[in-house]
Amino acid sequence: MATDKNLFKGFSRREWLKILGGIPIFGAVWTAGFRSNEKALSERNLLLETLNIKASAPPASGPMTGEPLRVGLIGFGIRGEQLMRSLGFATVEWLDDMAKSAAENPNDTRLAEFKAQEGLNVRLTAICDIFDVRAEKALRSFNTKENPCKRYKTHLDLFNSGEVDAVIIATPDHWHAPMAIAAIEAGLHVYVEKPMTHTIQETYDLREACRKNPDIKFAVGHQHRQTQSFLTAQDAIAKNTLGHVSLVVTATNRNDDNGAWQYDIHPDASTETIDWNAFLGTAPQIPFNAEHFFRWRKWWAYGSGLSGDLLTHDYDRINCVLKMGIPKYITGSGGVYTHRDGRNVPDVMQINMDFPEFSTGTSQTPGKEKGMTLVYSATLGNQFDRGTVLMGHDASMELGNMVTIYADPRSTKYKDLIKENRVDPSVPIYQYDPSANGVDAVTSATAKYFANKGLLWTYRDGKRVDSTFLHLREWMSCIRNGGNPSCGITEGFEEAITAHMGGLSYKIGRRIEWDSENEQIIALPGENLDEILLNNDDVFIS
């Protein structure tokens, strides 16, 4: 087949990247000036057949038909507002801001995407927030003739109102499990934000509540499980593309006040507008402190630090792909090194998770390779993107909203192809970009960080879709049509236990072990592990 050199004229570099992004890229096939001869195409097809990786979206969730699902929200803060938009409910303030932004910047498609979002046949009937300003803001936007919505002073009032079928819990961490258990016992379906629980004992208690109420559809808010590239990564692992994976590295890098949980403190915050005792709950009783209320993630008493807030996302992403479960051993270290502002959760942290018996398969002598370490490394004082890499004997996979695989120079599986110069270890043997047919607007560094972890959007047929919307839709489909959420109580239990082991190891300065047979954390015999996990000499500031 002759090559028409004029075929390649007229394309810019950006256009080439877009064209190439729509198809898997196979090693040396695209080197040497984008060769397009018969031999190159034959080699490409050979590698395609050899790898046999299927790039596919998660199964579509079922229809949203029938009676409207009545939903109640507990916690209308930052995440609560985001969840409501994914549900189809945006505040008038947000709509106005987005309209102005779109008028000034044609690349800002947030409002257009919201308006194009599928309706989920939902009525938001109940709001519970202990800060009057937030609750009133929600009612101004959502309590309409078409959608009557009522505020409830307490979560128990909401659960017992008879006005809701399902609840979404977006509160500080220390309220996740108590509210979820109470809702389940009241016969309500539950969607709870991560981490699933705040203490070790709560993790067992919540699982028991789910087991006793099997008809309840329970979901944890790890929306990255809807991300198309992760499903592709699952297939690559199943096909033993990487060989034995011995090391996985993943990271959190942030370098701004918002990323360090230094959220704005509302000027109207006071004991007149906030039910302080309701906020404290089981936390130590202290006088009103606005910083604790708005920046609660900075203290163990209400939040879970890097181990519970951000490690959980990365752990569950890898668990979604590898299905390795709870690690046998965890070692955590770090400290408050970049934000000495009174917080007692670390802002620099490293957690090593060891799985001595885990294997993803091998291309070598059976039994030679076994065991894996997952390293989570985080800093809130630097924004350099380190990405997520799964490192196998035969290949390494970069995992984000794209999947990129490189053959290892010492691979057994690809040894002959490398020797014949048909595969170049410096060039991907596989690259999948589900956004190839879509164009992303320029976003902030923070947005890119979240997007690459599958937390903001994913793609369906090249079109960008809100991953939280898909995760909520899946949960609602399970309620209406049966089935189980992709991140339910089993996955949530694994996430929570792993996070608690990481926080506990950091607090006591030693390795923590998981006894899988008895489902127990082994740390310090005779000690109250939850008390160690939650308490610090400087837990509170004045």
Protein backbone atom coordinates (compact mmCIF):
# COMPACT_ATOMS: atom_id res chain seq x y z
CA MET A 1 0.00 0.00 0.00
CA ALA A 2 1.53 3.31 -1.03
CA THR A 3 1.61 6.12 1.45
CA ASP A 4 0.18 9.45 0.36
CA LYS A 5 2.49 12.03 1.94
CA ASN A 6 -0.09 14.74 1.33
CA LEU A 7 -2.40 12.87 3.66
CA PHE A 8 -0.57 14.23 6.67
CA LYS A 9 -0.38 17.87 5.60
CA GLY A 10 -2.53 20.52 7.19
CA PHE A 11 -2.75 19.04 10.66
CA SER A 12 -1.48 21.00 13.64
CA ARG A 13 0.31 19.27 16.53
CA ARG A 14 -2.79 19.78 18.70
CA GLU A 15 -4.98 18.17 16.02
CA TRP A 16 -2.59 15.24 15.75
CA LEU A 17 -2.73 14.71 19.50
CA LYS A 18 -6.50 14.78 19.43
CA ILE A 19 -6.61 12.28 16.54
CA LEU A 20 -4.14 9.95 18.21
CA GLY A 21 -5.85 10.29 21.58
CA GLY A 22 -8.93 8.57 20.22
CA ILE A 23 -7.20 5.24 19.64
CA PRO A 24 -4.86 3.04 21.65
CA ILE A 25 -1.21 3.81 20.87
CA PHE A 26 1.02 0.77 20.52
CA GLY A 27 4.73 1.20 21.12
CA ALA A 28 7.03 1.68 18.18
CA VAL A 29 4.08 1.66 15.80
CA TRP A 30 3.80 5.44 16.10
CA THR A 31 7.50 6.27 16.15
CA ALA A 32 9.56 7.27 13.10
CA GLY A 33 7.38 10.16 12.07
CA PHE A 34 4.02 8.43 12.55
CA ARG A 35 4.75 5.65 10.06
CA SER A 36 1.65 4.61 8.24
CA ASN A 37 2.73 1.72 6.04
CA GLU A 38 1.44 -1.79 5.79
CA LYS A 39 4.10 -3.28 8.08
CA ALA A 40 3.42 -0.73 10.83
CA LEU A 41 -0.31 -1.37 10.66
CA SER A 42 0.31 -5.09 10.81
CA GLU A 43 2.49 -4.70 13.90
CA ARG A 44 -0.11 -2.47 15.50
CA ASN A 45 -2.83 -5.06 14.91
CA LEU A 46 -0.58 -7.81 16.23
CA LEU A 47 -0.02 -5.92 19.47
CA LEU A 48 -3.71 -5.09 19.66
CA GLU A 49 -4.54 -8.78 19.45
CA THR A 50 -1.76 -9.72 21.88
CA LEU A 51 -2.77 -7.23 24.57
CA ASN A 52 -6.52 -7.67 23.97
CA ILE A 53 -7.38 -4.86 26.42
CA LYS A 54 -11.03 -3.86 26.32
CA ALA A 55 -11.76 -0.19 26.83
CA SER A 56 -15.34 0.02 28.00
CA ALA A 57 -17.55 2.08 30.24
CA PRO A 58 -19.14 0.71 33.42
CA PRO A 59 -22.47 -1.01 32.79
CA ALA A 60 -25.30 1.47 32.38
CA SER A 61 -27.54 1.76 35.41
CA GLY A 62 -31.26 1.08 35.03
CA PRO A 63 -34.21 3.35 34.21
CA MET A 64 -35.30 6.18 36.49
CA THR A 65 -39.00 5.55 35.90
CA GLY A 66 -41.80 5.12 38.43
CA GLU A 67 -42.72 7.28 41.38
CA PRO A 68 -40.23 10.07 42.20
CA LEU A 69 -37.67 9.03 44.80
CA ARG A 70 -37.93 11.26 47.88
CA VAL A 71 -34.45 12.23 49.07
CA GLY A 72 -33.24 14.02 52.17
CA LEU A 73 -29.86 15.70 52.53
CA ILE A 74 -27.94 16.06 55.78
CA GLY A 75 -25.17 18.64 55.56
CA PHE A 76 -25.47 21.44 53.01
CA GLY A 77 -21.82 22.51 53.08
CA ILE A 78 -19.26 22.41 50.26
CA ARG A 79 -19.76 18.75 49.40
CA GLY A 80 -23.49 18.86 50.09
CA GLU A 81 -23.96 21.55 47.45
CA GLN A 82 -21.92 19.56 44.94
CA LEU A 83 -23.99 16.45 45.57
CA MET A 84 -27.23 18.36 45.10
CA ARG A 85 -26.07 19.69 41.73
CA SER A 86 -25.28 16.13 40.67
CA LEU A 87 -28.80 15.26 41.77
CA GLY A 88 -30.16 18.11 39.62
CA PHE A 89 -30.62 20.83 42.26
CA ALA A 90 -28.49 23.97 41.97
CA THR A 91 -28.81 27.08 44.11
CA VAL A 92 -29.86 30.35 42.49
CA GLU A 93 -26.53 31.82 43.54
CA TRP A 94 -24.57 29.10 41.72
CA LEU A 95 -26.71 29.43 38.60
CA ASP A 96 -26.12 33.19 38.53
CA ASP A 97 -22.36 32.76 39.03
CA MET A 98 -22.12 30.16 36.29
CA ALA A 99 -24.12 32.27 33.86
CA LYS A 100 -21.76 35.20 34.41
CA SER A 101 -18.70 32.99 34.08
CA ALA A 102 -19.96 31.41 30.84
CA ALA A 103 -20.66 34.86 29.38
CA GLU A 104 -17.08 35.92 30.14
CA ASN A 105 -15.42 32.64 29.15
CA PRO A 106 -16.93 30.53 26.35
CA ASN A 107 -14.76 27.59 27.45
CA ASP A 108 -16.59 27.41 30.78
CA THR A 109 -19.15 24.70 30.08
CA ARG A 110 -20.24 23.97 33.65
CA LEU A 111 -23.69 25.56 33.33
CA ALA A 112 -24.34 23.96 29.95
CA GLU A 113 -23.33 20.55 31.28
CA PHE A 114 -25.59 20.97 34.31
CA LYS A 115 -28.57 21.90 32.14
CA ALA A 116 -27.90 18.94 29.83
CA GLN A 117 -27.75 16.50 32.73
CA GLU A 118 -30.33 13.73 32.73
CA GLY A 119 -33.17 14.14 35.23
CA LEU A 120 -33.17 11.45 37.90
CA ASN A 121 -36.87 11.59 38.78
CA VAL A 122 -36.08 12.80 42.29
CA ARG A 123 -37.76 15.12 44.75
CA LEU A 124 -35.56 16.78 47.34
CA THR A 125 -38.04 16.78 50.21
CA ALA A 126 -35.87 17.35 53.26
CA ILE A 127 -32.83 19.36 54.33
CA CYS A 128 -31.03 19.12 57.65
CA ASP A 129 -28.20 21.51 58.48
CA ILE A 130 -27.32 22.89 61.90
CA PHE A 131 -26.08 26.21 60.43
CA ASP A 132 -29.13 28.41 59.79
CA VAL A 133 -27.47 30.29 56.93
CA ARG A 134 -26.87 27.12 54.93
CA ALA A 135 -30.30 25.64 55.63
CA GLU A 136 -32.05 28.86 54.61
CA LYS A 137 -29.95 29.06 51.44
CA ALA A 138 -31.08 25.58 50.50
CA LEU A 139 -34.74 26.34 51.13
CA ARG A 140 -34.62 29.55 49.07
CA SER A 141 -33.56 27.53 46.05
CA PHE A 142 -35.22 24.15 46.54
CA ASN A 143 -38.49 24.74 48.38
CA THR A 144 -40.69 25.43 45.38
CA LYS A 145 -44.21 24.64 44.25
CA GLU A 146 -42.82 21.85 42.06
CA ASN A 147 -40.53 20.56 44.81
CA PRO A 148 -41.79 21.18 48.35
CA CYS A 149 -38.80 20.92 50.67
CA LYS A 150 -38.75 21.19 54.45
CA ARG A 151 -35.97 21.84 56.92
CA TYR A 152 -35.52 19.51 59.88
CA LYS A 153 -33.59 20.57 62.96
CA THR A 154 -32.16 17.11 63.65
CA HIS A 155 -31.33 14.08 61.53
CA LEU A 156 -33.63 11.93 63.65
CA ASP A 157 -36.54 14.27 62.93
CA LEU A 158 -35.78 13.90 59.23
CA PHE A 159 -35.52 10.09 59.42
CA ASN A 160 -38.83 9.80 61.28
CA SER A 161 -40.71 12.34 59.16
CA GLY A 162 -42.17 9.84 56.71
CA GLU A 163 -41.20 12.27 53.94
CA VAL A 164 -38.06 10.55 52.65
CA ASP A 165 -37.16 7.23 51.03
CA ALA A 166 -33.40 7.74 50.98
CA VAL A 167 -30.82 10.02 52.58
CA ILE A 168 -27.50 11.50 51.53
CA ILE A 169 -25.06 12.17 54.38
CA ALA A 170 -22.45 14.88 53.75
CA THR A 171 -21.50 15.84 57.31
CA PRO A 172 -18.17 15.93 59.18
CA ASP A 173 -16.67 12.44 59.47
CA HIS A 174 -17.59 11.84 63.10
CA TRP A 175 -21.30 11.90 62.19
CA HIS A 176 -21.13 9.56 59.17
CA ALA A 177 -21.65 6.23 60.92
CA PRO A 178 -24.09 7.30 63.67
CA MET A 179 -26.38 8.90 61.08
CA ALA A 180 -26.02 6.06 58.58
CA ILE A 181 -26.88 3.44 61.22
CA ALA A 182 -29.91 5.42 62.43
CA ALA A 183 -31.14 5.87 58.85
CA ILE A 184 -30.76 2.17 58.05
CA GLU A 185 -32.64 1.25 61.21
CA ALA A 186 -35.39 3.66 60.12
CA GLY A 187 -35.68 1.76 56.83
CA LEU A 188 -34.03 4.38 54.62
CA HIS A 189 -31.54 3.85 51.81
CA VAL A 190 -28.20 5.54 52.49
CA TYR A 191 -25.48 7.28 50.48
CA VAL A 192 -22.66 8.42 52.77
CA GLU A 193 -19.55 10.40 51.91
CA LYS A 194 -16.09 9.01 52.56
CA PRO A 195 -14.56 7.94 54.85
CA MET A 196 -17.37 5.55 55.69
CA THR A 197 -16.69 5.76 59.43
CA HIS A 198 -14.68 7.78 61.95
CA THR A 199 -13.73 5.03 64.39
CA ILE A 200 -12.81 1.36 64.21
CA GLN A 201 -15.81 0.20 66.22
CA GLU A 202 -18.21 2.20 64.04
CA THR A 203 -16.90 0.28 61.02
CA TYR A 204 -18.05 -3.03 62.49
CA ASP A 205 -21.31 -1.53 63.76
CA LEU A 206 -22.27 -0.06 60.39
CA ARG A 207 -21.50 -3.31 58.60
CA GLU A 208 -23.68 -5.17 61.10
CA ALA A 209 -26.55 -2.71 60.51
CA CYS A 210 -26.31 -3.36 56.76
CA ARG A 211 -26.24 -7.11 57.28
CA LYS A 212 -29.36 -6.96 59.43
CA ASN A 213 -31.17 -4.88 56.79
CA PRO A 214 -30.23 -6.50 53.45
CA ASP A 215 -32.97 -4.68 51.53
CA ILE A 216 -31.38 -1.32 52.25
CA LYS A 217 -29.21 0.00 49.41
CA PHE A 218 -26.08 1.42 50.99
CA ALA A 219 -23.42 3.28 49.00
CA VAL A 220 -20.15 5.06 49.86
CA GLY A 221 -19.25 8.19 47.90
CA HIS A 222 -16.24 6.95 45.95
CA GLN A 223 -17.46 8.27 42.62
CA HIS A 224 -14.23 7.36 40.84
CA ARG A 225 -15.63 3.84 40.53
CA GLN A 226 -17.57 5.22 37.56
CA THR A 227 -14.39 6.32 35.79
CA GLN A 228 -14.00 4.69 32.40
CA SER A 229 -10.20 4.47 32.49
CA PHE A 230 -10.30 2.45 35.74
CA LEU A 231 -12.50 -0.18 34.10
CA THR A 232 -9.97 -0.35 31.27
CA ALA A 233 -7.20 -0.79 33.85
CA GLN A 234 -9.15 -3.66 35.42
CA ASP A 235 -9.19 -5.45 32.08
CA ALA A 236 -5.46 -4.86 31.57
CA ILE A 237 -4.77 -6.46 34.96
CA ALA A 238 -7.09 -9.37 34.19
CA LYS A 239 -5.15 -9.97 30.95
CA ASN A 240 -1.85 -10.03 32.92
CA THR A 241 -0.54 -7.11 30.85
CA LEU A 242 1.75 -5.90 33.63
CA GLY A 243 2.90 -9.23 34.99
CA HIS A 244 3.39 -9.39 38.75
CA VAL A 245 2.78 -5.94 40.28
CA SER A 246 5.11 -5.59 43.27
CA LEU A 247 4.79 -1.84 43.89
CA VAL A 248 2.05 0.78 43.50
CA VAL A 249 2.77 4.43 44.21
CA THR A 250 0.12 7.12 44.50
CA ALA A 251 0.15 10.61 45.95
CA THR A 252 -1.67 13.73 47.10
CA ASN A 253 0.00 17.04 46.29
CA ARG A 254 -1.65 20.34 47.23
CA ASN A 255 -0.22 23.76 47.86
CA ASP A 256 -3.02 26.20 48.65
CA ASP A 257 -5.20 27.11 51.60
CA ASN A 258 -8.30 25.40 50.25
CA GLY A 259 -6.39 22.17 49.67
CA ALA A 260 -5.10 22.40 53.24
CA TRP A 261 -8.68 22.68 54.57
CA GLN A 262 -8.37 26.38 55.42
CA TYR A 263 -11.95 27.03 54.35
CA ASP A 264 -13.63 30.43 54.72
CA ILE A 265 -15.31 31.17 58.04
CA HIS A 266 -18.75 32.67 57.47
CA PRO A 267 -19.17 36.10 59.08
CA ASP A 268 -22.62 35.17 60.44
CA ALA A 269 -21.35 32.13 62.34
CA SER A 270 -22.24 32.28 66.04
CA THR A 271 -24.03 30.34 68.76
CA GLU A 272 -27.20 32.05 67.53
CA THR A 273 -26.94 30.57 64.04
CA ILE A 274 -25.15 27.26 64.75
CA ASP A 275 -26.33 24.41 66.98
CA TRP A 276 -22.88 23.84 68.48
CA ASN A 277 -23.84 20.90 70.70
CA ALA A 278 -25.32 19.12 67.69
CA PHE A 279 -22.07 19.63 65.80
CA LEU A 280 -19.94 18.21 68.64
CA GLY A 281 -21.98 15.05 69.09
CA THR A 282 -19.60 12.46 70.53
CA ALA A 283 -16.55 14.75 70.21
CA PRO A 284 -15.08 16.29 73.40
CA GLN A 285 -17.26 19.10 74.69
CA ILE A 286 -15.56 22.46 74.21
CA PRO A 287 -16.83 26.05 73.90
CA PHE A 288 -18.01 27.34 70.53
CA ASN A 289 -15.15 27.56 68.03
CA ALA A 290 -15.96 28.78 64.51
CA GLU A 291 -12.68 27.50 63.12
CA HIS A 292 -13.43 23.98 64.33
CA PHE A 293 -16.86 24.17 62.73
CA PHE A 294 -15.74 25.29 59.27
CA ARG A 295 -12.27 23.70 59.21
CA TRP A 296 -13.10 20.51 61.06
CA ARG A 297 -10.88 18.38 58.81
CA LYS A 298 -7.84 19.77 60.64
CA TRP A 299 -8.66 17.90 63.88
CA TRP A 300 -8.87 14.19 64.66
CA ALA A 301 -11.92 14.78 66.88
CA TYR A 302 -14.15 15.42 63.83
CA GLY A 303 -12.14 14.43 60.76
CA SER A 304 -9.74 11.72 59.68
CA GLY A 305 -6.82 13.70 58.27
CA LEU A 306 -4.94 12.69 55.16
CA SER A 307 -5.44 9.00 55.96
CA GLY A 308 -9.24 9.21 56.02
CA ASP A 309 -9.95 12.20 53.81
CA LEU A 310 -7.63 11.64 50.84
CA LEU A 311 -5.88 8.27 51.21
CA THR A 312 -9.33 6.66 51.07
CA HIS A 313 -9.83 7.91 47.51
CA ASP A 314 -6.49 6.59 46.30
CA TYR A 315 -6.76 3.31 48.18
CA ASP A 316 -10.24 2.66 46.80
CA ARG A 317 -9.10 3.57 43.27
CA ILE A 318 -6.42 0.89 43.46
CA ASN A 319 -8.75 -1.56 45.21
CA CYS A 320 -11.25 -0.97 42.41
CA VAL A 321 -8.61 -2.04 39.88
CA LEU A 322 -6.68 -4.75 41.78
CA LYS A 323 -9.28 -5.94 44.33
CA MET A 324 -6.50 -6.60 46.85
CA GLY A 325 -8.60 -5.85 49.96
CA ILE A 326 -7.28 -4.83 53.38
CA PRO A 327 -3.46 -4.82 53.72
CA LYS A 328 -1.77 -7.25 56.08
CA TYR A 329 0.54 -4.54 57.44
CA ILE A 330 0.49 -0.75 57.50
CA THR A 331 3.17 1.71 58.57
CA GLY A 332 2.45 5.43 58.73
CA SER A 333 4.68 8.44 59.32
CA GLY A 334 4.64 12.21 58.86
CA GLY A 335 3.81 15.33 60.80
CA VAL A 336 2.61 18.94 60.72
CA TYR A 337 5.38 20.42 58.58
CA THR A 338 3.75 22.98 56.29
CA HIS A 339 0.75 24.50 58.12
CA ARG A 340 1.59 25.15 61.76
CA ASP A 341 -1.80 26.66 62.50
CA GLY A 342 -3.03 24.62 65.47
CA ARG A 343 -4.17 21.54 63.54
CA ASN A 344 -3.27 18.12 64.92
CA VAL A 345 -3.72 15.98 61.80
CA PRO A 346 -0.52 15.73 59.73
CA ASP A 347 -0.14 17.74 56.55
CA VAL A 348 2.72 15.56 55.32
CA MET A 349 2.15 11.82 55.49
CA GLN A 350 3.42 8.58 54.04
CA ILE A 351 1.65 5.26 54.48
CA ASN A 352 3.08 1.92 53.35
CA MET A 353 0.52 -0.84 52.86
CA ASP A 354 1.89 -4.37 52.51
CA PHE A 355 0.08 -7.33 50.94
CA PRO A 356 2.54 -10.26 51.34
CA GLU A 357 0.24 -12.85 49.74
CA PHE A 358 -1.15 -10.76 46.88
CA SER A 359 -0.36 -11.44 43.23
CA THR A 360 -1.60 -10.07 39.92
CA GLY A 361 -0.19 -13.00 37.95
CA THR A 362 3.22 -13.80 36.54
CA SER A 363 5.10 -14.46 33.31
CA GLN A 364 7.93 -16.17 35.16
CA THR A 365 8.32 -19.38 37.16
CA PRO A 366 5.18 -19.92 39.27
CA GLY A 367 5.75 -18.99 42.91
CA LYS A 368 8.75 -16.78 42.22
CA GLU A 369 6.77 -13.57 42.58
CA LYS A 370 4.32 -12.86 45.36
CA GLY A 371 3.53 -9.81 47.48
CA MET A 372 2.93 -6.11 46.87
CA THR A 373 3.43 -2.77 48.60
CA LEU A 374 1.12 0.19 48.02
CA VAL A 375 2.77 3.50 48.97
CA TYR A 376 0.62 6.55 49.58
CA SER A 377 2.59 9.77 49.89
CA ALA A 378 1.07 13.19 50.59
CA THR A 379 2.03 16.79 51.18
CA LEU A 380 -0.08 19.90 51.53
CA GLY A 381 2.94 22.09 50.78
CA ASN A 382 3.75 21.23 47.16
CA GLN A 383 1.70 20.72 44.01
CA PHE A 384 4.08 18.73 41.78
CA ASP A 385 2.02 16.03 40.05
CA ARG A 386 3.50 12.60 40.85
CA GLY A 387 0.62 10.57 39.45
CA THR A 388 -0.29 6.96 40.18
CA VAL A 389 1.85 4.12 38.84
CA LEU A 390 1.34 0.34 39.04
CA MET A 391 4.78 -1.26 38.58
CA GLY A 392 4.89 -4.82 37.28
CA HIS A 393 7.66 -7.14 36.12
CA ASP A 394 6.54 -6.83 32.50
CA ALA A 395 5.11 -3.32 32.34
CA SER A 396 4.18 -0.20 34.30
CA MET A 397 0.80 1.50 34.16
CA GLU A 398 0.18 5.21 34.69
CA LEU A 399 -3.37 5.42 35.97
CA GLY A 400 -5.48 8.57 35.88
CA ASN A 401 -8.27 9.70 33.61
CA MET A 402 -6.02 8.15 30.97
CA VAL A 403 -4.33 4.76 31.03
CA THR A 404 -0.78 4.54 29.72
CA ILE A 405 1.29 1.33 29.75
CA TYR A 406 5.05 1.02 29.15
CA ALA A 407 6.84 -2.29 28.64
CA ASP A 408 9.63 -2.86 31.13
CA PRO A 409 13.13 -3.14 29.56
CA ARG A 410 13.68 -6.38 31.52
CA SER A 411 10.27 -7.85 30.80
CA THR A 412 9.89 -11.56 30.26
CA LYS A 413 6.59 -11.26 28.41
CA TYR A 414 7.77 -8.63 25.91
CA LYS A 415 11.42 -9.72 25.74
CA ASP A 416 11.34 -10.87 22.13
CA LEU A 417 9.39 -7.84 20.91
CA ILE A 418 11.90 -5.53 22.61
CA LYS A 419 14.86 -7.49 21.20
CA GLU A 420 13.39 -7.24 17.70
CA ASN A 421 12.93 -3.44 18.18
CA ARG A 422 9.20 -3.84 17.66
CA VAL A 423 8.54 -2.41 21.13
CA ASP A 424 10.44 0.53 22.58
CA PRO A 425 10.25 0.63 26.42
CA SER A 426 10.35 4.45 26.28
CA VAL A 427 7.17 4.54 24.17
CA PRO A 428 3.77 3.37 25.46
CA ILE A 429 2.64 -0.03 24.23
CA TYR A 430 -0.89 1.03 25.12
CA GLN A 431 -2.57 4.35 25.78
CA TYR A 432 -6.26 4.92 26.29
CA ASP A 433 -7.80 8.39 26.50
CA PRO A 434 -11.59 8.25 26.95
CA SER A 435 -11.82 12.03 26.38
CA ALA A 436 -10.51 11.81 22.81
CA ASN A 437 -13.77 12.94 21.27
CA GLY A 438 -14.38 15.68 23.79
CA VAL A 439 -12.67 18.98 24.50
CA ASP A 440 -12.00 20.03 28.08
CA ALA A 441 -12.06 23.64 29.18
CA VAL A 442 -8.94 24.97 30.86
CA THR A 443 -9.24 24.22 34.55
CA SER A 444 -7.39 25.08 37.72
CA ALA A 445 -4.57 22.95 39.07
CA THR A 446 -6.86 21.82 41.90
CA ALA A 447 -9.56 20.76 39.44
CA LYS A 448 -7.01 18.85 37.35
CA TYR A 449 -5.82 17.07 40.50
CA PHE A 450 -9.33 15.89 41.33
CA ALA A 451 -10.18 15.09 37.71
CA ASN A 452 -7.16 12.85 37.25
CA LYS A 453 -8.29 10.81 40.24
CA GLY A 454 -11.71 10.35 38.67
CA LEU A 455 -13.43 12.58 41.22
CA LEU A 456 -14.87 15.30 38.95
CA TRP A 457 -15.75 13.73 35.64
CA THR A 458 -15.36 10.73 33.42
CA TYR A 459 -16.44 10.06 29.84
CA ARG A 460 -19.15 8.21 28.00
CA ASP A 461 -18.66 7.95 24.23
CA GLY A 462 -16.13 10.76 24.36
CA LYS A 463 -18.51 13.10 26.20
CA ARG A 464 -17.57 14.43 29.60
CA VAL A 465 -19.92 13.34 32.38
CA ASP A 466 -20.00 14.20 36.08
CA SER A 467 -18.75 11.09 37.89
CA THR A 468 -20.70 11.97 41.06
CA PHE A 469 -23.88 12.11 38.97
CA LEU A 470 -23.14 8.60 37.64
CA HIS A 471 -22.41 7.30 41.14
CA LEU A 472 -25.66 8.72 42.55
CA ARG A 473 -27.56 7.41 39.55
CA GLU A 474 -26.14 3.93 40.12
CA TRP A 475 -27.26 4.03 43.77
CA MET A 476 -30.76 5.17 42.78
CA SER A 477 -30.95 2.51 40.09
CA CYS A 478 -30.18 -0.12 42.72
CA ILE A 479 -33.04 1.25 44.85
CA ARG A 480 -35.45 1.20 41.92
CA ASN A 481 -34.28 -1.78 39.89
CA GLY A 482 -32.30 -4.00 42.26
CA GLY A 483 -28.61 -4.83 42.29
CA ASN A 484 -25.80 -3.54 44.48
CA PRO A 485 -23.78 -0.31 44.31
CA SER A 486 -20.19 -0.64 43.07
CA CYS A 487 -18.97 0.78 46.38
CA GLY A 488 -21.18 -0.72 49.04
CA ILE A 489 -20.67 -1.93 52.58
CA THR A 490 -17.99 -4.52 51.68
CA GLU A 491 -15.85 -2.02 49.79
CA GLY A 492 -16.57 0.64 52.44
CA PHE A 493 -15.48 -1.69 55.22
CA GLU A 494 -12.16 -2.33 53.45
CA GLU A 495 -11.67 1.40 52.88
CA ALA A 496 -12.46 2.37 56.47
CA ILE A 497 -10.36 -0.31 58.16
CA THR A 498 -7.38 0.57 55.93
CA ALA A 499 -7.72 4.29 56.68
CA HIS A 500 -8.00 3.67 60.43
CA MET A 501 -4.94 1.43 60.38
CA GLY A 502 -2.99 4.21 58.66
CA GLY A 503 -4.07 6.84 61.16
CA LEU A 504 -3.43 4.52 64.09
CA SER A 505 0.07 3.62 62.88
CA TYR A 506 0.92 7.31 62.60
CA LYS A 507 -0.39 8.01 66.10
CA ILE A 508 1.46 5.19 67.92
CA GLY A 509 4.56 5.15 65.71
CA ARG A 510 4.60 1.44 64.89
CA ARG A 511 3.48 -1.08 62.29
CA ILE A 512 -0.16 -2.19 62.44
CA GLU A 513 -1.28 -5.67 61.46
CA TRP A 514 -4.63 -6.91 60.15
CA ASP A 515 -5.73 -10.37 61.27
CA SER A 516 -7.93 -11.33 58.31
CA GLU A 517 -9.10 -14.60 59.85
CA ASN A 518 -10.52 -12.94 62.96
CA GLU A 519 -11.06 -9.53 61.29
CA GLN A 520 -9.15 -7.66 63.97
CA ILE A 521 -6.56 -4.89 64.02
CA ILE A 522 -3.45 -5.88 65.97
CA ALA A 523 -1.60 -2.96 67.51
CA LEU A 524 -1.19 -2.53 71.26
CA PRO A 525 -2.79 -5.32 73.34
CA GLY A 526 -5.17 -4.06 76.01
CA GLU A 527 -5.38 -0.53 74.62
CA ASN A 528 -8.50 1.26 73.34
CA LEU A 529 -7.50 1.76 69.71
CA ASP A 530 -10.29 4.25 68.97
CA GLU A 531 -9.21 6.38 71.92
CA ILE A 532 -5.65 6.41 70.61
CA LEU A 533 -6.86 7.22 67.12
CA LEU A 534 -9.00 10.19 68.15
CA ASN A 535 -7.03 11.77 70.97
CA ASN A 536 -3.90 13.89 71.02
CA ASP A 537 -2.38 16.02 73.79
CA ASP A 538 -3.10 19.13 71.71
CA VAL A 539 -6.42 18.08 70.20
CA PHE A 540 -8.02 21.48 70.71
CA ILE A 541 -6.95 25.07 70.39
CA SER A 542 -8.56 27.91 72.23
